[in-house]
Amino acid sequence: MFFDTSVLVAAFVPAHPRHERAFDQMRRARSGKDRMLTSAHNLAEVYSVLTTLPLSPRISPAAAARIIRENLEAHAEIKPVTVADYRAVVRDLGDAGLAGGIIYDALACRAAIRAGAEVILTFNPKDFRRVWPDAGIRIEEP
């Protein structure tokens, strides 16, 4: 299973409204019942979101790095996003007329395809279907 940033953040933040659903999927993957995949790019996105969430108290940069290290680096297969991937995604989105932050979902989808993922877990399924409707990967919400 390929974990999108939206699911990872929800799993790491107990106050998130979708925490239980995301955390259950992560627990299942960490137990070895499912393969846990994400992309190197998603590490950066997770760090960015965790350190800017409007929580009180805020998640410090050191805490965000520790959360990523202990929960992703220790348990997930982290797949690279190559220069060729970035070029292809920019070209494909330009050809499709898709703008803005959807590029991050397109990059995650490309990494999931290259990793051989069967399922992408995301709380943004419509965006993933827009960027790669013929990916051959199930796109599911936890």
C-alpha atoms as a PDB file:
ATOM      1  CA  MET A   1       0.000   0.000   0.000  1.00  0.00           C
ATOM      2  CA  PHE A   2       1.268   3.413  -0.953  1.00  0.00           C
ATOM      3  CA  PHE A   3       0.604   5.989   1.775  1.00  0.00           C
ATOM      4  CA  ASP A   4      -0.151   9.507   0.564  1.00  0.00           C
ATOM      5  CA  THR A   5       0.812  12.538   2.644  1.00  0.00           C
ATOM      6  CA  SER A   6      -2.827  13.124   3.628  1.00  0.00           C
ATOM      7  CA  VAL A   7      -3.007   9.706   5.295  1.00  0.00           C
ATOM      8  CA  LEU A   8       0.440   9.944   6.890  1.00  0.00           C
ATOM      9  CA  VAL A   9      -0.298  13.303   8.504  1.00  0.00           C
ATOM     10  CA  ALA A  10      -3.653  12.056   9.806  1.00  0.00           C
ATOM     11  CA  ALA A  11      -1.964   8.967  11.247  1.00  0.00           C
ATOM     12  CA  PHE A  12       0.677  11.041  13.046  1.00  0.00           C
ATOM     13  CA  VAL A  13      -1.646  13.683  14.536  1.00  0.00           C
ATOM     14  CA  PRO A  14      -4.057  12.345  17.175  1.00  0.00           C
ATOM     15  CA  ALA A  15      -6.154  15.535  16.976  1.00  0.00           C
ATOM     16  CA  HIS A  16      -6.755  15.021  13.233  1.00  0.00           C
ATOM     17  CA  PRO A  17     -10.419  14.168  12.520  1.00  0.00           C
ATOM     18  CA  ARG A  18      -9.380  11.145  10.433  1.00  0.00           C
ATOM     19  CA  HIS A  19      -6.639   9.960  12.779  1.00  0.00           C
ATOM     20  CA  GLU A  20      -8.196   6.621  13.769  1.00  0.00           C
ATOM     21  CA  ARG A  21      -8.844   5.538  10.181  1.00  0.00           C
ATOM     22  CA  ALA A  22      -5.327   6.472   9.060  1.00  0.00           C
ATOM     23  CA  PHE A  23      -3.624   5.090  12.166  1.00  0.00           C
ATOM     24  CA  ASP A  24      -5.396   1.738  11.766  1.00  0.00           C
ATOM     25  CA  GLN A  25      -3.973   1.423   8.238  1.00  0.00           C
ATOM     26  CA  MET A  26      -0.506   2.355   9.434  1.00  0.00           C
ATOM     27  CA  ARG A  27      -0.679  -0.117  12.317  1.00  0.00           C
ATOM     28  CA  ARG A  28      -1.724  -2.843   9.878  1.00  0.00           C
ATOM     29  CA  ALA A  29       1.192  -2.067   7.556  1.00  0.00           C
ATOM     30  CA  ARG A  30       3.704  -1.822  10.396  1.00  0.00           C
ATOM     31  CA  SER A  31       2.588  -5.261  11.631  1.00  0.00           C
ATOM     32  CA  GLY A  32       3.594  -6.710   8.257  1.00  0.00           C
ATOM     33  CA  LYS A  33       0.055  -7.430   7.029  1.00  0.00           C
ATOM     34  CA  ASP A  34       0.506  -4.920   4.202  1.00  0.00           C
ATOM     35  CA  ARG A  35       3.531  -3.568   2.388  1.00  0.00           C
ATOM     36  CA  MET A  36       4.090   0.071   3.406  1.00  0.00           C
ATOM     37  CA  LEU A  37       5.276   2.345   0.613  1.00  0.00           C
ATOM     38  CA  THR A  38       5.682   6.084   0.264  1.00  0.00           C
ATOM     39  CA  SER A  39       7.871   8.420  -1.762  1.00  0.00           C
ATOM     40  CA  ALA A  40      10.898  10.461  -0.782  1.00  0.00           C
ATOM     41  CA  HIS A  41       8.958  13.530  -1.870  1.00  0.00           C
ATOM     42  CA  ASN A  42       6.211  12.650   0.619  1.00  0.00           C
ATOM     43  CA  LEU A  43       8.776  12.804   3.445  1.00  0.00           C
ATOM     44  CA  ALA A  44       9.287  16.478   2.624  1.00  0.00           C
ATOM     45  CA  GLU A  45       5.550  17.114   2.372  1.00  0.00           C
ATOM     46  CA  VAL A  46       4.866  15.404   5.701  1.00  0.00           C
ATOM     47  CA  TYR A  47       7.610  17.436   7.376  1.00  0.00           C
ATOM     48  CA  SER A  48       6.235  20.659   5.917  1.00  0.00           C
ATOM     49  CA  VAL A  49       2.665  19.950   7.005  1.00  0.00           C
ATOM     50  CA  LEU A  50       3.567  18.688  10.476  1.00  0.00           C
ATOM     51  CA  THR A  51       5.676  21.752  11.251  1.00  0.00           C
ATOM     52  CA  THR A  52       3.026  24.228  10.071  1.00  0.00           C
ATOM     53  CA  LEU A  53      -0.205  22.712  11.390  1.00  0.00           C
ATOM     54  CA  PRO A  54      -2.133  25.175  13.566  1.00  0.00           C
ATOM     55  CA  LEU A  55      -1.895  23.008  16.681  1.00  0.00           C
ATOM     56  CA  SER A  56      -1.276  24.055  20.232  1.00  0.00           C
ATOM     57  CA  PRO A  57       1.375  23.197  21.086  1.00  0.00           C
ATOM     58  CA  ARG A  58       2.895  23.179  17.610  1.00  0.00           C
ATOM     59  CA  ILE A  59       4.919  20.233  16.368  1.00  0.00           C
ATOM     60  CA  SER A  60       8.547  21.326  16.518  1.00  0.00           C
ATOM     61  CA  PRO A  61      10.935  20.661  13.635  1.00  0.00           C
ATOM     62  CA  ALA A  62      12.842  18.184  15.845  1.00  0.00           C
ATOM     63  CA  ALA A  63       9.630  16.350  16.758  1.00  0.00           C
ATOM     64  CA  ALA A  64       8.522  16.210  13.103  1.00  0.00           C
ATOM     65  CA  ALA A  65      11.897  14.771  12.094  1.00  0.00           C
ATOM     66  CA  ARG A  66      11.638  12.163  14.871  1.00  0.00           C
ATOM     67  CA  ILE A  67       8.086  11.204  13.835  1.00  0.00           C
ATOM     68  CA  ILE A  68       9.255  10.692  10.258  1.00  0.00           C
ATOM     69  CA  ARG A  69      12.358   8.767  11.284  1.00  0.00           C
ATOM     70  CA  GLU A  70      10.560   6.443  13.714  1.00  0.00           C
ATOM     71  CA  ASN A  71       7.427   5.846  11.670  1.00  0.00           C
ATOM     72  CA  LEU A  72       8.469   6.069   8.044  1.00  0.00           C
ATOM     73  CA  GLU A  73      12.189   5.571   7.740  1.00  0.00           C
ATOM     74  CA  ALA A  74      12.027   2.618  10.139  1.00  0.00           C
ATOM     75  CA  HIS A  75       9.015   0.882   8.578  1.00  0.00           C
ATOM     76  CA  ALA A  76       8.248   2.060   5.036  1.00  0.00           C
ATOM     77  CA  GLU A  77       9.859   1.408   1.715  1.00  0.00           C
ATOM     78  CA  ILE A  78      10.672   4.947   0.595  1.00  0.00           C
ATOM     79  CA  LYS A  79      10.726   5.226  -3.168  1.00  0.00           C
ATOM     80  CA  PRO A  80      12.587   7.963  -5.040  1.00  0.00           C
ATOM     81  CA  VAL A  81      11.053  10.494  -7.358  1.00  0.00           C
ATOM     82  CA  THR A  82      13.580  11.027 -10.125  1.00  0.00           C
ATOM     83  CA  VAL A  83      14.306  14.013 -12.324  1.00  0.00           C
ATOM     84  CA  ALA A  84      12.691  12.066 -15.158  1.00  0.00           C
ATOM     85  CA  ASP A  85       9.562  11.632 -13.006  1.00  0.00           C
ATOM     86  CA  TYR A  86       9.357  15.363 -12.319  1.00  0.00           C
ATOM     87  CA  ARG A  87       9.792  16.158 -16.012  1.00  0.00           C
ATOM     88  CA  ALA A  88       7.158  13.644 -17.082  1.00  0.00           C
ATOM     89  CA  VAL A  89       4.647  14.822 -14.474  1.00  0.00           C
ATOM     90  CA  VAL A  90       5.105  18.486 -15.416  1.00  0.00           C
ATOM     91  CA  ARG A  91       4.657  17.603 -19.088  1.00  0.00           C
ATOM     92  CA  ASP A  92       1.602  15.405 -18.451  1.00  0.00           C
ATOM     93  CA  LEU A  93      -0.120  17.959 -16.227  1.00  0.00           C
ATOM     94  CA  GLY A  94       0.594  20.713 -18.738  1.00  0.00           C
ATOM     95  CA  ASP A  95      -0.894  18.604 -21.527  1.00  0.00           C
ATOM     96  CA  ALA A  96      -3.951  17.862 -19.361  1.00  0.00           C
ATOM     97  CA  GLY A  97      -4.416  21.504 -18.351  1.00  0.00           C
ATOM     98  CA  LEU A  98      -4.128  20.680 -14.635  1.00  0.00           C
ATOM     99  CA  ALA A  99      -2.679  23.424 -12.424  1.00  0.00           C
ATOM    100  CA  GLY A 100      -1.475  24.004  -8.897  1.00  0.00           C
ATOM    101  CA  GLY A 101      -0.939  21.664  -5.990  1.00  0.00           C
ATOM    102  CA  ILE A 102      -2.321  18.653  -7.848  1.00  0.00           C
ATOM    103  CA  ILE A 103       1.267  18.175  -9.017  1.00  0.00           C
ATOM    104  CA  TYR A 104       2.098  16.698  -5.605  1.00  0.00           C
ATOM    105  CA  ASP A 105      -0.557  14.019  -6.002  1.00  0.00           C
ATOM    106  CA  ALA A 106       0.707  13.323  -9.520  1.00  0.00           C
ATOM    107  CA  LEU A 107       4.248  12.853  -8.207  1.00  0.00           C
ATOM    108  CA  ALA A 108       3.010  10.504  -5.486  1.00  0.00           C
ATOM    109  CA  CYS A 109       0.993   8.536  -8.009  1.00  0.00           C
ATOM    110  CA  ARG A 110       3.985   8.194 -10.313  1.00  0.00           C
ATOM    111  CA  ALA A 111       6.128   6.936  -7.418  1.00  0.00           C
ATOM    112  CA  ALA A 112       3.405   4.441  -6.458  1.00  0.00           C
ATOM    113  CA  ILE A 113       3.221   3.117 -10.017  1.00  0.00           C
ATOM    114  CA  ARG A 114       7.001   2.727 -10.251  1.00  0.00           C
ATOM    115  CA  ALA A 115       7.031   0.962  -6.858  1.00  0.00           C
ATOM    116  CA  GLY A 116       4.483  -1.589  -8.045  1.00  0.00           C
ATOM    117  CA  ALA A 117       1.871  -0.550  -5.473  1.00  0.00           C
ATOM    118  CA  GLU A 118      -1.545  -2.159  -5.789  1.00  0.00           C
ATOM    119  CA  VAL A 119      -3.339   0.448  -3.667  1.00  0.00           C
ATOM    120  CA  ILE A 120      -2.867   4.156  -2.978  1.00  0.00           C
ATOM    121  CA  LEU A 121      -4.286   5.261   0.368  1.00  0.00           C
ATOM    122  CA  THR A 122      -5.338   8.904   0.286  1.00  0.00           C
ATOM    123  CA  PHE A 123      -7.954  11.263   1.624  1.00  0.00           C
ATOM    124  CA  ASN A 124      -7.871  12.963  -1.820  1.00  0.00           C
ATOM    125  CA  PRO A 125      -9.063  10.153  -4.125  1.00  0.00           C
ATOM    126  CA  LYS A 126     -10.642  12.471  -6.700  1.00  0.00           C
ATOM    127  CA  ASP A 127      -7.349  14.288  -7.253  1.00  0.00           C
ATOM    128  CA  PHE A 128      -5.468  11.030  -7.762  1.00  0.00           C
ATOM    129  CA  ARG A 129      -8.058   9.815 -10.246  1.00  0.00           C
ATOM    130  CA  ARG A 130      -7.790  13.126 -12.123  1.00  0.00           C
ATOM    131  CA  VAL A 131      -4.019  12.946 -12.495  1.00  0.00           C
ATOM    132  CA  TRP A 132      -3.788   9.275 -13.388  1.00  0.00           C
ATOM    133  CA  PRO A 133      -7.156   7.805 -14.332  1.00  0.00           C
ATOM    134  CA  ASP A 134      -5.616   4.765 -16.041  1.00  0.00           C
ATOM    135  CA  ALA A 135      -2.956   3.925 -13.455  1.00  0.00           C
ATOM    136  CA  GLY A 136      -4.225   0.410 -12.839  1.00  0.00           C
ATOM    137  CA  ILE A 137      -3.922   1.022  -9.093  1.00  0.00           C
ATOM    138  CA  ARG A 138      -6.854   1.054  -6.699  1.00  0.00           C
ATOM    139  CA  ILE A 139      -7.227   4.435  -5.066  1.00  0.00           C
ATOM    140  CA  GLU A 140      -8.875   4.134  -1.661  1.00  0.00           C
ATOM    141  CA  GLU A 141      -9.612   6.112   1.465  1.00  0.00           C
ATOM    142  CA  PRO A 142      -8.720   4.420   4.742  1.00  0.00           C
END
